[in-house]
Amino acid sequence: MPARTSSLLATLADWRRRFLTPETLMRLLPASVILAAGIVLNIRTHDLLSDHRDLVVHTHEVIEMSKDVLIGLDDAETGQRGYLLSSDTAYLKPYVHARERLAWMAPKLKEMVSDNPDQTARADQLQALINLKLAELAHAITVHDEQGVQAAILVERDSMRTARMDEIRHVIGEMTESEKTLLSARKTEVDHDEERVRLVAISVALLSLVSRWCVEIWLGRRKRQEEPGTV
């Protein structure tokens, strides 16, 4: 064996005798086990906390999207009525833009609530009502262009009797209230997760101290028993 290798092995053996004593291992092992368990629990708890926070954000997004859908319908209706009354094509711009927004917002809303069967059913109902409302608006515009203002106003009055917007507001209101209920529950879960994170940290610290204290007591007793003249 080369002299350098032999010297290195001797140094390692000496280092192990000096530092990796049974007493040192007894002090390190319990704390290391507790720390490892604490790390695993902490990672798991943080993962749950992150998931629940994501759900809270998602719920806020659903509520905002439902509001945007209603705003889009109001914009479409306002632009259409302005055009029917004034015959000014400038009013058709907000109507057209609103239809373009609704073309992707309503399906997006359904996609966002796809994990909730009750909300999915409401989203389907909402989509059907939106289609009917947009068809009514478009029909009145066609009548205006082909038959004139008075004929379009009569068509608009007939469509108002269907109270389609009231139905839409009712469905969106139900969706919003359902999401608010979920939001409250999910915020509670976040609060519980944050409390668990604190408890894990405190528990790991306390268990580490207690384990170290117990080890030191045990080592102290063992040392006294090994001393000459100790019974």
C-alpha atoms as a PDB file:
ATOM      1  CA  MET A   1       0.000   0.000   0.000  1.00  0.00           C
ATOM      2  CA  PRO A   2       1.477   3.419  -0.953  1.00  0.00           C
ATOM      3  CA  ALA A   3       2.631   5.535   1.948  1.00  0.00           C
ATOM      4  CA  ARG A   4       0.293   8.393   1.018  1.00  0.00           C
ATOM      5  CA  THR A   5      -2.765   6.103   0.996  1.00  0.00           C
ATOM      6  CA  SER A   6      -1.723   4.543   4.268  1.00  0.00           C
ATOM      7  CA  SER A   7      -1.303   7.970   5.829  1.00  0.00           C
ATOM      8  CA  LEU A   8      -4.724   9.079   4.577  1.00  0.00           C
ATOM      9  CA  LEU A   9      -6.408   5.997   6.007  1.00  0.00           C
ATOM     10  CA  ALA A  10      -4.686   6.532   9.303  1.00  0.00           C
ATOM     11  CA  THR A  11      -5.864  10.154   9.365  1.00  0.00           C
ATOM     12  CA  LEU A  12      -9.444   9.121   8.627  1.00  0.00           C
ATOM     13  CA  ALA A  13      -9.334   6.461  11.334  1.00  0.00           C
ATOM     14  CA  ASP A  14      -7.980   8.965  13.817  1.00  0.00           C
ATOM     15  CA  TRP A  15     -10.653  11.500  12.828  1.00  0.00           C
ATOM     16  CA  ARG A  16     -13.361   8.862  13.281  1.00  0.00           C
ATOM     17  CA  ARG A  17     -12.069   7.907  16.730  1.00  0.00           C
ATOM     18  CA  ARG A  18     -11.964  11.514  17.831  1.00  0.00           C
ATOM     19  CA  PHE A  19     -15.197  12.831  16.380  1.00  0.00           C
ATOM     20  CA  LEU A  20     -17.481   9.900  15.545  1.00  0.00           C
ATOM     21  CA  THR A  21     -17.604   8.596  19.069  1.00  0.00           C
ATOM     22  CA  PRO A  22     -20.649   6.686  20.367  1.00  0.00           C
ATOM     23  CA  GLU A  23     -21.565   9.747  22.392  1.00  0.00           C
ATOM     24  CA  THR A  24     -21.477  11.939  19.302  1.00  0.00           C
ATOM     25  CA  LEU A  25     -23.602   9.510  17.345  1.00  0.00           C
ATOM     26  CA  MET A  26     -26.093   9.328  20.207  1.00  0.00           C
ATOM     27  CA  ARG A  27     -26.382  13.096  20.134  1.00  0.00           C
ATOM     28  CA  LEU A  28     -26.730  13.303  16.357  1.00  0.00           C
ATOM     29  CA  LEU A  29     -28.963  10.357  15.521  1.00  0.00           C
ATOM     30  CA  PRO A  30     -32.237  11.303  17.293  1.00  0.00           C
ATOM     31  CA  ALA A  31     -32.030  14.927  16.172  1.00  0.00           C
ATOM     32  CA  SER A  32     -31.273  13.837  12.613  1.00  0.00           C
ATOM     33  CA  VAL A  33     -34.278  11.490  12.523  1.00  0.00           C
ATOM     34  CA  ILE A  34     -36.570  14.180  13.915  1.00  0.00           C
ATOM     35  CA  LEU A  35     -35.201  16.752  11.465  1.00  0.00           C
ATOM     36  CA  ALA A  36     -35.667  14.407   8.495  1.00  0.00           C
ATOM     37  CA  ALA A  37     -39.243  13.642   9.543  1.00  0.00           C
ATOM     38  CA  GLY A  38     -39.884  17.351  10.019  1.00  0.00           C
ATOM     39  CA  ILE A  39     -38.580  18.143   6.546  1.00  0.00           C
ATOM     40  CA  VAL A  40     -40.860  15.518   4.976  1.00  0.00           C
ATOM     41  CA  LEU A  41     -43.894  16.793   6.917  1.00  0.00           C
ATOM     42  CA  ASN A  42     -43.042  20.380   6.104  1.00  0.00           C
ATOM     43  CA  ILE A  43     -42.765  19.672   2.378  1.00  0.00           C
ATOM     44  CA  ARG A  44     -46.079  17.827   2.403  1.00  0.00           C
ATOM     45  CA  THR A  45     -47.808  20.598   4.358  1.00  0.00           C
ATOM     46  CA  HIS A  46     -46.415  23.299   2.075  1.00  0.00           C
ATOM     47  CA  ASP A  47     -47.630  21.330  -0.963  1.00  0.00           C
ATOM     48  CA  LEU A  48     -51.151  21.222   0.501  1.00  0.00           C
ATOM     49  CA  LEU A  49     -50.958  24.913   1.352  1.00  0.00           C
ATOM     50  CA  SER A  50     -49.871  25.743  -2.198  1.00  0.00           C
ATOM     51  CA  ASP A  51     -52.699  23.636  -3.683  1.00  0.00           C
ATOM     52  CA  HIS A  52     -55.325  25.274  -1.491  1.00  0.00           C
ATOM     53  CA  ARG A  53     -53.996  28.762  -2.262  1.00  0.00           C
ATOM     54  CA  ASP A  54     -54.226  27.942  -5.972  1.00  0.00           C
ATOM     55  CA  LEU A  55     -57.857  26.918  -5.452  1.00  0.00           C
ATOM     56  CA  VAL A  56     -58.590  30.223  -3.709  1.00  0.00           C
ATOM     57  CA  VAL A  57     -57.077  32.133  -6.635  1.00  0.00           C
ATOM     58  CA  HIS A  58     -59.016  29.959  -9.085  1.00  0.00           C
ATOM     59  CA  THR A  59     -62.287  30.655  -7.279  1.00  0.00           C
ATOM     60  CA  HIS A  60     -61.653  34.406  -7.470  1.00  0.00           C
ATOM     61  CA  GLU A  61     -60.973  34.019 -11.196  1.00  0.00           C
ATOM     62  CA  VAL A  62     -64.270  32.176 -11.737  1.00  0.00           C
ATOM     63  CA  ILE A  63     -66.178  34.920  -9.926  1.00  0.00           C
ATOM     64  CA  GLU A  64     -64.461  37.614 -11.980  1.00  0.00           C
ATOM     65  CA  MET A  65     -65.079  35.731 -15.230  1.00  0.00           C
ATOM     66  CA  SER A  66     -68.796  35.395 -14.465  1.00  0.00           C
ATOM     67  CA  LYS A  67     -68.925  39.152 -13.846  1.00  0.00           C
ATOM     68  CA  ASP A  68     -67.112  39.790 -17.142  1.00  0.00           C
ATOM     69  CA  VAL A  69     -69.659  37.631 -18.986  1.00  0.00           C
ATOM     70  CA  LEU A  70     -72.503  39.695 -17.553  1.00  0.00           C
ATOM     71  CA  ILE A  71     -70.693  42.938 -18.413  1.00  0.00           C
ATOM     72  CA  GLY A  72     -70.210  41.660 -21.969  1.00  0.00           C
ATOM     73  CA  LEU A  73     -73.924  40.959 -22.323  1.00  0.00           C
ATOM     74  CA  ASP A  74     -74.807  44.389 -20.933  1.00  0.00           C
ATOM     75  CA  ASP A  75     -72.409  46.000 -23.416  1.00  0.00           C
ATOM     76  CA  ALA A  76     -73.912  44.034 -26.299  1.00  0.00           C
ATOM     77  CA  GLU A  77     -77.446  44.973 -25.278  1.00  0.00           C
ATOM     78  CA  THR A  78     -76.564  48.639 -24.749  1.00  0.00           C
ATOM     79  CA  GLY A  79     -74.820  48.912 -28.117  1.00  0.00           C
ATOM     80  CA  GLN A  80     -77.670  47.166 -29.930  1.00  0.00           C
ATOM     81  CA  ARG A  81     -80.348  49.409 -28.388  1.00  0.00           C
ATOM     82  CA  GLY A  82     -78.321  52.514 -29.144  1.00  0.00           C
ATOM     83  CA  TYR A  83     -78.179  51.468 -32.780  1.00  0.00           C
ATOM     84  CA  LEU A  84     -81.905  50.662 -32.967  1.00  0.00           C
ATOM     85  CA  LEU A  85     -82.837  54.068 -31.570  1.00  0.00           C
ATOM     86  CA  SER A  86     -80.328  56.192 -33.465  1.00  0.00           C
ATOM     87  CA  SER A  87     -79.427  54.166 -36.564  1.00  0.00           C
ATOM     88  CA  ASP A  88     -75.851  55.267 -35.823  1.00  0.00           C
ATOM     89  CA  THR A  89     -73.459  52.451 -36.728  1.00  0.00           C
ATOM     90  CA  ALA A  90     -71.022  53.724 -34.094  1.00  0.00           C
ATOM     91  CA  TYR A  91     -73.214  51.925 -31.524  1.00  0.00           C
ATOM     92  CA  LEU A  92     -72.562  48.629 -33.269  1.00  0.00           C
ATOM     93  CA  LYS A  93     -68.861  48.708 -32.328  1.00  0.00           C
ATOM     94  CA  PRO A  94     -69.395  47.932 -28.613  1.00  0.00           C
ATOM     95  CA  TYR A  95     -72.038  45.380 -29.657  1.00  0.00           C
ATOM     96  CA  VAL A  96     -69.616  43.603 -31.999  1.00  0.00           C
ATOM     97  CA  HIS A  97     -66.741  43.764 -29.513  1.00  0.00           C
ATOM     98  CA  ALA A  98     -68.964  42.361 -26.784  1.00  0.00           C
ATOM     99  CA  ARG A  99     -69.993  39.430 -28.988  1.00  0.00           C
ATOM    100  CA  GLU A 100     -66.324  38.743 -29.734  1.00  0.00           C
ATOM    101  CA  ARG A 101     -65.509  38.675 -26.019  1.00  0.00           C
ATOM    102  CA  LEU A 102     -68.472  36.468 -25.190  1.00  0.00           C
ATOM    103  CA  ALA A 103     -67.452  34.012 -27.903  1.00  0.00           C
ATOM    104  CA  TRP A 104     -64.492  32.934 -25.766  1.00  0.00           C
ATOM    105  CA  MET A 105     -65.478  34.034 -22.251  1.00  0.00           C
ATOM    106  CA  ALA A 106     -68.564  31.817 -21.911  1.00  0.00           C
ATOM    107  CA  PRO A 107     -66.724  28.612 -22.981  1.00  0.00           C
ATOM    108  CA  LYS A 108     -63.790  29.617 -20.788  1.00  0.00           C
ATOM    109  CA  LEU A 109     -66.113  29.968 -17.809  1.00  0.00           C
ATOM    110  CA  LYS A 110     -67.445  26.449 -18.397  1.00  0.00           C
ATOM    111  CA  GLU A 111     -63.892  25.126 -18.631  1.00  0.00           C
ATOM    112  CA  MET A 112     -62.961  26.804 -15.345  1.00  0.00           C
ATOM    113  CA  VAL A 113     -65.802  25.084 -13.450  1.00  0.00           C
ATOM    114  CA  SER A 114     -65.477  21.711 -15.209  1.00  0.00           C
ATOM    115  CA  ASP A 115     -64.441  20.036 -11.928  1.00  0.00           C
ATOM    116  CA  ASN A 116     -67.811  20.912 -10.348  1.00  0.00           C
ATOM    117  CA  PRO A 117     -70.862  19.105 -11.845  1.00  0.00           C
ATOM    118  CA  ASP A 118     -73.383  21.614 -10.433  1.00  0.00           C
ATOM    119  CA  GLN A 119     -71.451  24.564 -11.788  1.00  0.00           C
ATOM    120  CA  THR A 120     -70.947  22.821 -15.130  1.00  0.00           C
ATOM    121  CA  ALA A 121     -74.718  22.386 -15.430  1.00  0.00           C
ATOM    122  CA  ARG A 122     -75.194  26.086 -14.686  1.00  0.00           C
ATOM    123  CA  ALA A 123     -72.518  26.976 -17.248  1.00  0.00           C
ATOM    124  CA  ASP A 124     -74.367  24.938 -19.887  1.00  0.00           C
ATOM    125  CA  GLN A 125     -77.621  26.667 -18.979  1.00  0.00           C
ATOM    126  CA  LEU A 126     -75.869  30.035 -19.130  1.00  0.00           C
ATOM    127  CA  GLN A 127     -74.392  29.293 -22.546  1.00  0.00           C
ATOM    128  CA  ALA A 128     -77.836  28.375 -23.915  1.00  0.00           C
ATOM    129  CA  LEU A 129     -79.334  31.590 -22.526  1.00  0.00           C
ATOM    130  CA  ILE A 130     -76.479  33.659 -23.950  1.00  0.00           C
ATOM    131  CA  ASN A 131     -77.015  32.135 -27.379  1.00  0.00           C
ATOM    132  CA  LEU A 132     -80.722  32.966 -27.217  1.00  0.00           C
ATOM    133  CA  LYS A 133     -80.033  36.529 -26.054  1.00  0.00           C
ATOM    134  CA  LEU A 134     -77.457  37.183 -28.772  1.00  0.00           C
ATOM    135  CA  ALA A 135     -79.838  35.739 -31.355  1.00  0.00           C
ATOM    136  CA  GLU A 136     -82.549  38.131 -30.146  1.00  0.00           C
ATOM    137  CA  LEU A 137     -80.172  41.093 -30.396  1.00  0.00           C
ATOM    138  CA  ALA A 138     -79.030  40.105 -33.873  1.00  0.00           C
ATOM    139  CA  HIS A 139     -82.616  39.564 -35.051  1.00  0.00           C
ATOM    140  CA  ALA A 140     -83.658  43.052 -33.954  1.00  0.00           C
ATOM    141  CA  ILE A 141     -80.715  44.547 -35.838  1.00  0.00           C
ATOM    142  CA  THR A 142     -81.670  42.629 -38.983  1.00  0.00           C
ATOM    143  CA  VAL A 143     -85.270  43.845 -38.706  1.00  0.00           C
ATOM    144  CA  HIS A 144     -83.996  47.412 -38.263  1.00  0.00           C
ATOM    145  CA  ASP A 145     -81.879  47.209 -41.387  1.00  0.00           C
ATOM    146  CA  GLU A 146     -84.606  45.568 -43.489  1.00  0.00           C
ATOM    147  CA  GLN A 147     -87.853  47.069 -42.116  1.00  0.00           C
ATOM    148  CA  GLY A 148     -86.899  50.206 -40.244  1.00  0.00           C
ATOM    149  CA  VAL A 149     -86.717  51.585 -36.741  1.00  0.00           C
ATOM    150  CA  GLN A 150     -90.328  51.098 -35.671  1.00  0.00           C
ATOM    151  CA  ALA A 151     -90.419  47.455 -36.675  1.00  0.00           C
ATOM    152  CA  ALA A 152     -87.133  46.845 -34.813  1.00  0.00           C
ATOM    153  CA  ILE A 153     -88.490  48.536 -31.683  1.00  0.00           C
ATOM    154  CA  LEU A 154     -91.539  46.273 -31.744  1.00  0.00           C
ATOM    155  CA  VAL A 155     -89.287  43.229 -32.024  1.00  0.00           C
ATOM    156  CA  GLU A 156     -87.170  44.528 -29.160  1.00  0.00           C
ATOM    157  CA  ARG A 157     -90.258  45.013 -26.990  1.00  0.00           C
ATOM    158  CA  ASP A 158     -91.306  41.427 -27.651  1.00  0.00           C
ATOM    159  CA  SER A 159     -87.857  40.152 -26.717  1.00  0.00           C
ATOM    160  CA  MET A 160     -87.918  42.179 -23.496  1.00  0.00           C
ATOM    161  CA  ARG A 161     -91.015  40.281 -22.413  1.00  0.00           C
ATOM    162  CA  THR A 162     -88.983  37.079 -22.362  1.00  0.00           C
ATOM    163  CA  ALA A 163     -86.857  38.617 -19.588  1.00  0.00           C
ATOM    164  CA  ARG A 164     -83.839  36.756 -20.930  1.00  0.00           C
ATOM    165  CA  MET A 165     -81.378  39.019 -19.149  1.00  0.00           C
ATOM    166  CA  ASP A 166     -83.145  38.387 -15.850  1.00  0.00           C
ATOM    167  CA  GLU A 167     -82.693  34.645 -16.382  1.00  0.00           C
ATOM    168  CA  ILE A 168     -79.038  35.178 -17.217  1.00  0.00           C
ATOM    169  CA  ARG A 169     -78.475  37.317 -14.135  1.00  0.00           C
ATOM    170  CA  HIS A 170     -80.173  34.672 -12.023  1.00  0.00           C
ATOM    171  CA  VAL A 171     -77.914  31.873 -13.322  1.00  0.00           C
ATOM    172  CA  ILE A 172     -74.784  34.001 -12.941  1.00  0.00           C
ATOM    173  CA  GLY A 173     -75.907  34.909  -9.434  1.00  0.00           C
ATOM    174  CA  GLU A 174     -76.246  31.218  -8.550  1.00  0.00           C
ATOM    175  CA  MET A 175     -72.789  30.506  -9.966  1.00  0.00           C
ATOM    176  CA  THR A 176     -71.284  33.401  -8.043  1.00  0.00           C
ATOM    177  CA  GLU A 177     -72.908  32.399  -4.745  1.00  0.00           C
ATOM    178  CA  SER A 178     -71.722  28.810  -5.202  1.00  0.00           C
ATOM    179  CA  GLU A 179     -68.176  30.032  -5.809  1.00  0.00           C
ATOM    180  CA  LYS A 180     -68.335  32.306  -2.766  1.00  0.00           C
ATOM    181  CA  THR A 181     -69.307  29.299  -0.648  1.00  0.00           C
ATOM    182  CA  LEU A 182     -66.341  27.383  -2.054  1.00  0.00           C
ATOM    183  CA  LEU A 183     -64.125  30.397  -1.478  1.00  0.00           C
ATOM    184  CA  SER A 184     -65.021  30.513   2.204  1.00  0.00           C
ATOM    185  CA  ALA A 185     -64.278  26.794   2.626  1.00  0.00           C
ATOM    186  CA  ARG A 186     -61.003  27.046   0.710  1.00  0.00           C
ATOM    187  CA  LYS A 187     -59.837  30.049   2.731  1.00  0.00           C
ATOM    188  CA  THR A 188     -60.511  28.006   5.872  1.00  0.00           C
ATOM    189  CA  GLU A 189     -58.361  25.201   4.465  1.00  0.00           C
ATOM    190  CA  VAL A 190     -55.555  27.681   3.772  1.00  0.00           C
ATOM    191  CA  ASP A 191     -55.755  28.950   7.359  1.00  0.00           C
ATOM    192  CA  HIS A 192     -55.571  25.365   8.657  1.00  0.00           C
ATOM    193  CA  ASP A 193     -52.599  24.604   6.408  1.00  0.00           C
ATOM    194  CA  GLU A 194     -50.743  27.693   7.632  1.00  0.00           C
ATOM    195  CA  GLU A 195     -51.421  26.580  11.204  1.00  0.00           C
ATOM    196  CA  ARG A 196     -50.068  23.109  10.384  1.00  0.00           C
ATOM    197  CA  VAL A 197     -46.874  24.649   8.977  1.00  0.00           C
ATOM    198  CA  ARG A 198     -46.339  26.512  12.238  1.00  0.00           C
ATOM    199  CA  LEU A 199     -47.127  23.423  14.324  1.00  0.00           C
ATOM    200  CA  VAL A 200     -44.686  21.283  12.365  1.00  0.00           C
ATOM    201  CA  ALA A 201     -41.907  23.842  12.834  1.00  0.00           C
ATOM    202  CA  ILE A 202     -42.616  24.203  16.556  1.00  0.00           C
ATOM    203  CA  SER A 203     -42.925  20.431  17.040  1.00  0.00           C
ATOM    204  CA  VAL A 204     -39.621  19.729  15.296  1.00  0.00           C
ATOM    205  CA  ALA A 205     -37.856  22.335  17.430  1.00  0.00           C
ATOM    206  CA  LEU A 206     -39.346  21.023  20.676  1.00  0.00           C
ATOM    207  CA  LEU A 207     -38.722  17.363  19.854  1.00  0.00           C
ATOM    208  CA  SER A 208     -35.122  18.161  18.930  1.00  0.00           C
ATOM    209  CA  LEU A 209     -34.608  19.887  22.277  1.00  0.00           C
ATOM    210  CA  VAL A 210     -36.283  17.089  24.235  1.00  0.00           C
ATOM    211  CA  SER A 211     -34.327  14.385  22.418  1.00  0.00           C
ATOM    212  CA  ARG A 212     -31.067  16.229  23.046  1.00  0.00           C
ATOM    213  CA  TRP A 213     -31.975  16.670  26.704  1.00  0.00           C
ATOM    214  CA  CYS A 214     -32.834  12.970  27.099  1.00  0.00           C
ATOM    215  CA  VAL A 215     -29.604  11.908  25.404  1.00  0.00           C
ATOM    216  CA  GLU A 216     -27.532  14.173  27.624  1.00  0.00           C
ATOM    217  CA  ILE A 217     -29.235  12.791  30.753  1.00  0.00           C
ATOM    218  CA  TRP A 218     -28.625   9.234  29.576  1.00  0.00           C
ATOM    219  CA  LEU A 219     -24.983   9.944  28.732  1.00  0.00           C
ATOM    220  CA  GLY A 220     -24.495  11.655  32.081  1.00  0.00           C
ATOM    221  CA  ARG A 221     -25.850   8.672  33.981  1.00  0.00           C
ATOM    222  CA  ARG A 222     -23.762   6.307  31.924  1.00  0.00           C
ATOM    223  CA  LYS A 223     -20.638   8.319  32.619  1.00  0.00           C
ATOM    224  CA  ARG A 224     -21.312   8.368  36.353  1.00  0.00           C
ATOM    225  CA  GLN A 225     -21.872   4.602  36.364  1.00  0.00           C
ATOM    226  CA  GLU A 226     -18.535   4.077  34.610  1.00  0.00           C
ATOM    227  CA  GLU A 227     -16.620   6.230  37.090  1.00  0.00           C
ATOM    228  CA  PRO A 228     -14.620   4.277  39.693  1.00  0.00           C
ATOM    229  CA  GLY A 229     -16.374   3.911  43.019  1.00  0.00           C
ATOM    230  CA  THR A 230     -19.828   4.619  41.565  1.00  0.00           C
ATOM    231  CA  VAL A 231     -22.479   2.136  42.607  1.00  0.00           C
END
